[in-house]
Amino acid sequence: MIYYQLSEHTINELYILKTIDSSHFLWVINRIKLVDKTD
């Protein structure tokens, strides 16, 4: 049971990290597009 809870927690953390990562990636792409337009 403890192991299961630990695994679930780790999976949730990985999912959160993945979500943040993709959001950051999109943010960077948007910044690059903005820079291209102003340039």
N, C-alpha and C. Protein backbone atom coordinates (compact mmCIF):
# COMPACT_ATOMS: atom_id res chain seq x y z
N MET A 1 0.83 -1.20 0.00
CA MET A 1 0.00 0.00 0.00
C MET A 1 0.87 1.26 0.00
N ILE A 2 1.86 1.27 0.85
CA ILE A 2 2.76 2.43 0.90
C ILE A 2 3.46 2.59 -0.46
N TYR A 3 3.89 1.46 -1.01
CA TYR A 3 4.57 1.51 -2.31
C TYR A 3 3.64 2.06 -3.39
N TYR A 4 2.38 1.64 -3.34
CA TYR A 4 1.41 2.11 -4.32
C TYR A 4 1.22 3.62 -4.21
N GLN A 5 1.10 4.12 -2.98
CA GLN A 5 0.93 5.56 -2.77
C GLN A 5 2.16 6.32 -3.28
N LEU A 6 3.33 5.77 -3.01
CA LEU A 6 4.56 6.39 -3.46
C LEU A 6 4.60 6.46 -4.99
N SER A 7 4.23 5.35 -5.63
CA SER A 7 4.23 5.30 -7.09
C SER A 7 3.24 6.32 -7.66
N GLU A 8 2.08 6.39 -7.07
CA GLU A 8 1.06 7.32 -7.55
C GLU A 8 1.56 8.76 -7.42
N HIS A 9 2.20 9.04 -6.31
CA HIS A 9 2.74 10.38 -6.08
C HIS A 9 3.81 10.71 -7.12
N THR A 10 4.69 9.77 -7.38
CA THR A 10 5.75 9.99 -8.36
C THR A 10 5.17 10.23 -9.75
N ILE A 11 4.18 9.43 -10.11
CA ILE A 11 3.52 9.60 -11.42
C ILE A 11 2.87 10.98 -11.51
N ASN A 12 2.21 11.40 -10.45
CA ASN A 12 1.59 12.73 -10.43
C ASN A 12 2.64 13.82 -10.60
N GLU A 13 3.77 13.69 -9.91
CA GLU A 13 4.84 14.68 -10.03
C GLU A 13 5.38 14.71 -11.44
N LEU A 14 5.60 13.54 -12.02
CA LEU A 14 6.10 13.47 -13.39
C LEU A 14 5.10 14.11 -14.36
N TYR A 15 3.82 13.85 -14.15
CA TYR A 15 2.79 14.43 -15.01
C TYR A 15 2.79 15.95 -14.90
N ILE A 16 2.89 16.45 -13.67
CA ILE A 16 2.94 17.91 -13.44
C ILE A 16 4.17 18.49 -14.13
N LEU A 17 5.32 17.85 -13.96
CA LEU A 17 6.54 18.33 -14.60
C LEU A 17 6.39 18.34 -16.12
N LYS A 18 5.80 17.30 -16.66
CA LYS A 18 5.59 17.21 -18.10
C LYS A 18 4.68 18.34 -18.58
N THR A 19 3.62 18.61 -17.82
CA THR A 19 2.69 19.67 -18.18
C THR A 19 3.38 21.03 -18.16
N ILE A 20 4.13 21.28 -17.10
CA ILE A 20 4.86 22.55 -16.97
C ILE A 20 5.85 22.67 -18.14
N ASP A 21 6.53 21.56 -18.44
CA ASP A 21 7.53 21.55 -19.49
C ASP A 21 6.91 21.93 -20.84
N SER A 22 5.78 21.33 -21.19
CA SER A 22 5.15 21.62 -22.48
C SER A 22 4.61 23.05 -22.51
N SER A 23 4.10 23.54 -21.37
CA SER A 23 3.64 24.92 -21.31
C SER A 23 4.80 25.87 -21.52
N HIS A 24 5.92 25.58 -20.89
CA HIS A 24 7.11 26.41 -21.04
C HIS A 24 7.59 26.38 -22.49
N PHE A 25 7.54 25.21 -23.10
CA PHE A 25 7.94 25.06 -24.49
C PHE A 25 7.07 25.93 -25.40
N LEU A 26 5.75 25.90 -25.18
CA LEU A 26 4.83 26.74 -25.95
C LEU A 26 5.12 28.21 -25.71
N TRP A 27 5.43 28.56 -24.46
CA TRP A 27 5.73 29.94 -24.12
C TRP A 27 6.96 30.41 -24.90
N VAL A 28 7.99 29.57 -24.94
CA VAL A 28 9.22 29.91 -25.66
C VAL A 28 8.92 30.11 -27.14
N ILE A 29 8.13 29.22 -27.73
CA ILE A 29 7.77 29.34 -29.15
C ILE A 29 7.04 30.66 -29.40
N ASN A 30 6.11 31.00 -28.53
CA ASN A 30 5.38 32.25 -28.67
C ASN A 30 6.32 33.45 -28.57
N ARG A 31 7.27 33.39 -27.68
CA ARG A 31 8.26 34.47 -27.53
C ARG A 31 9.06 34.61 -28.83
N ILE A 32 9.48 33.49 -29.39
CA ILE A 32 10.26 33.51 -30.63
C ILE A 32 9.44 34.14 -31.75
N LYS A 33 8.17 33.78 -31.84
CA LYS A 33 7.28 34.35 -32.86
C LYS A 33 7.15 35.86 -32.66
N LEU A 34 7.01 36.28 -31.41
CA LEU A 34 6.91 37.71 -31.11
C LEU A 34 8.18 38.43 -31.55
N VAL A 35 9.31 37.85 -31.24
CA VAL A 35 10.60 38.44 -31.61
C VAL A 35 10.70 38.54 -33.13
N ASP A 36 10.28 37.52 -33.83
CA ASP A 36 10.31 37.52 -35.29
C ASP A 36 9.44 38.64 -35.85
N LYS A 37 8.26 38.84 -35.28
CA LYS A 37 7.35 39.88 -35.77
C LYS A 37 7.92 41.27 -35.54
N THR A 38 8.50 41.50 -34.36
CA THR A 38 9.04 42.83 -34.08
C THR A 38 10.30 43.07 -34.88
N ASP A 39 11.05 42.04 -35.16
CA ASP A 39 12.29 42.16 -35.91
C ASP A 39 11.97 42.29 -37.40
